[in-house]
Amino acid sequence: MFPLAQGGMKKNSAIRRLLCLIGALAILASCAFLKRQPNGQIMVQVVSWPLVKKLAEPDAGLPNQKVTLLKVTDRSVIAEKFTDTYGNVLFDVPAGTYTVLGIGMGLENVTVGPHQKVKLKLVVHYDTPLHSSKRPPPER
């Protein structure tokens, strides 16, 4: 009687291990479906129309211009950045539709997909940064 009971316990243990393995594989498979979608990028260049005309340079970018990225649905702020030396700023965002806003510029809606890089040029009609877009001092 005792050897028979041990054989039954070995079968239960093997079945239990097999069920645990199947459960673990099911959990891993479901995690693969919940995997986060890859991001896209929105590249914005802020250019000055007076500088474009004066210098005949179509990429006369303005540095230190604040560019804000908003959700289209509720206009909540997703990110705010300042343009670099060449007037460029890059947003790394989940796929979707956004509104791009800059000081002294209109609103521009843009849709970006996964692994997509959307380039946008915002034209302003002045050649120096406005005071309200002044870059804050660096954090220490």
Protein backbone atom coordinates (compact mmCIF):
# COMPACT_ATOMS: atom_id res chain seq x y z
CA MET A 1 0.00 0.00 0.00
CA PHE A 2 2.79 2.38 0.81
CA PRO A 3 4.66 2.00 -2.55
CA LEU A 4 1.39 2.58 -4.43
CA ALA A 5 0.75 5.81 -2.53
CA GLN A 6 4.23 7.08 -3.42
CA GLY A 7 3.61 6.39 -7.10
CA GLY A 8 0.39 8.40 -6.94
CA MET A 9 2.22 11.29 -5.22
CA LYS A 10 4.85 11.30 -7.97
CA LYS A 11 2.12 11.56 -10.61
CA ASN A 12 0.42 14.42 -8.71
CA SER A 13 3.75 16.21 -8.35
CA ALA A 14 4.46 15.86 -12.08
CA ILE A 15 0.95 17.06 -12.97
CA ARG A 16 1.32 19.99 -10.56
CA ARG A 17 4.65 20.99 -12.17
CA LEU A 18 3.16 20.70 -15.64
CA LEU A 19 0.20 22.91 -14.66
CA CYS A 20 2.56 25.48 -13.12
CA LEU A 21 4.63 25.51 -16.31
CA ILE A 22 1.51 25.96 -18.47
CA GLY A 23 0.31 28.76 -16.16
CA ALA A 24 3.68 30.53 -16.33
CA LEU A 25 3.71 30.30 -20.13
CA ALA A 26 0.16 31.68 -20.27
CA ILE A 27 1.19 34.66 -18.11
CA LEU A 28 4.24 35.36 -20.29
CA ALA A 29 2.14 35.13 -23.46
CA SER A 30 -0.41 37.59 -22.08
CA CYS A 31 2.37 40.03 -21.14
CA ALA A 32 3.54 40.00 -24.76
CA PHE A 33 0.09 41.21 -25.85
CA LEU A 34 0.17 44.01 -23.26
CA LYS A 35 3.58 45.20 -24.45
CA ARG A 36 3.80 48.98 -24.77
CA GLN A 37 3.55 50.34 -28.29
CA PRO A 38 6.78 51.92 -29.57
CA ASN A 39 7.03 55.71 -29.49
CA GLY A 40 7.15 58.16 -32.35
CA GLN A 41 8.91 61.51 -32.52
CA ILE A 42 7.82 65.04 -33.27
CA MET A 43 10.64 67.31 -34.39
CA VAL A 44 9.80 71.00 -34.38
CA GLN A 45 11.92 73.77 -35.85
CA VAL A 46 11.01 77.35 -34.99
CA VAL A 47 12.14 79.76 -37.69
CA SER A 48 12.02 83.53 -37.98
CA TRP A 49 10.43 84.90 -41.14
CA PRO A 50 12.39 88.20 -40.98
CA LEU A 51 15.67 86.26 -40.66
CA VAL A 52 14.68 83.91 -43.48
CA LYS A 53 14.11 86.95 -45.75
CA LYS A 54 17.20 88.85 -44.54
CA LEU A 55 19.65 85.93 -44.69
CA ALA A 56 17.96 83.97 -47.50
CA GLU A 57 18.32 81.00 -45.15
CA PRO A 58 15.20 78.78 -45.00
CA ASP A 59 16.36 77.19 -41.73
CA ALA A 60 17.02 80.40 -39.77
CA GLY A 61 16.07 78.84 -36.45
CA LEU A 62 15.37 80.74 -33.25
CA PRO A 63 16.99 79.43 -30.06
CA ASN A 64 15.32 79.41 -26.63
CA GLN A 65 11.75 79.35 -27.93
CA LYS A 66 9.28 77.51 -25.72
CA VAL A 67 7.31 74.82 -27.55
CA THR A 68 4.43 73.07 -25.79
CA LEU A 69 2.88 69.74 -26.70
CA LEU A 70 -0.81 69.29 -25.79
CA LYS A 71 -3.30 66.43 -25.90
CA VAL A 72 -5.82 67.16 -28.64
CA THR A 73 -8.74 65.80 -26.60
CA ASP A 74 -8.51 67.98 -23.48
CA ARG A 75 -5.63 70.40 -24.23
CA SER A 76 -3.66 69.13 -21.21
CA VAL A 77 0.11 69.68 -21.37
CA ILE A 78 2.12 66.60 -22.35
CA ALA A 79 5.55 68.30 -22.45
CA GLU A 80 7.25 71.68 -22.71
CA LYS A 81 10.74 72.19 -24.11
CA PHE A 82 12.94 75.03 -25.35
CA THR A 83 14.53 75.06 -28.78
CA ASP A 84 18.26 74.48 -29.10
CA THR A 85 20.82 76.76 -30.78
CA TYR A 86 19.39 75.92 -34.22
CA GLY A 87 15.74 76.40 -33.24
CA ASN A 88 15.03 72.65 -32.99
CA VAL A 89 13.24 70.63 -30.34
CA LEU A 90 12.44 66.91 -30.30
CA PHE A 91 9.55 65.22 -28.48
CA ASP A 92 9.56 61.44 -27.94
CA VAL A 93 5.86 60.52 -27.56
CA PRO A 94 3.46 57.57 -27.74
CA ALA A 95 1.63 57.25 -31.05
CA GLY A 96 -1.33 59.64 -31.24
CA THR A 97 -2.50 63.10 -32.24
CA TYR A 98 -1.10 66.17 -30.50
CA THR A 99 -1.33 69.95 -30.71
CA VAL A 100 1.97 71.85 -30.96
CA LEU A 101 1.99 75.37 -29.54
CA GLY A 102 4.72 77.99 -29.53
CA ILE A 103 4.82 81.54 -28.19
CA GLY A 104 3.71 83.92 -30.96
CA MET A 105 2.74 81.01 -33.21
CA GLY A 106 -0.56 79.37 -34.00
CA LEU A 107 -1.68 75.91 -33.00
CA GLU A 108 -0.66 73.00 -35.20
CA ASN A 109 -2.18 69.51 -34.94
CA VAL A 110 0.09 66.60 -35.78
CA THR A 111 -0.45 62.83 -35.78
CA VAL A 112 2.49 60.50 -35.16
CA GLY A 113 2.63 56.71 -35.41
CA PRO A 114 4.97 54.17 -33.81
CA HIS A 115 8.57 54.51 -35.08
CA GLN A 116 7.50 57.57 -37.12
CA LYS A 117 9.34 60.90 -37.06
CA VAL A 118 7.16 63.87 -37.97
CA LYS A 119 8.94 67.12 -38.86
CA LEU A 120 7.16 70.40 -38.32
CA LYS A 121 8.33 73.95 -39.02
CA LEU A 122 6.75 76.79 -37.05
CA VAL A 123 7.26 80.22 -38.57
CA VAL A 124 7.27 83.29 -36.35
CA HIS A 125 7.18 86.87 -37.57
CA TYR A 126 9.91 88.31 -35.36
CA ASP A 127 13.68 87.78 -35.24
CA THR A 128 14.40 87.75 -31.51
CA PRO A 129 12.84 85.62 -28.75
CA LEU A 130 9.89 87.05 -26.88
CA HIS A 131 10.35 87.67 -23.14
CA SER A 132 7.59 85.24 -22.17
CA SER A 133 9.51 82.35 -23.70
CA LYS A 134 12.67 83.06 -21.74
CA ARG A 135 14.39 79.86 -20.70
CA PRO A 136 14.40 79.35 -16.93
CA PRO A 137 17.81 79.22 -15.19
CA PRO A 138 19.38 75.71 -15.09
CA GLU A 139 18.57 73.57 -12.07
CA ARG A 140 21.40 72.67 -9.71
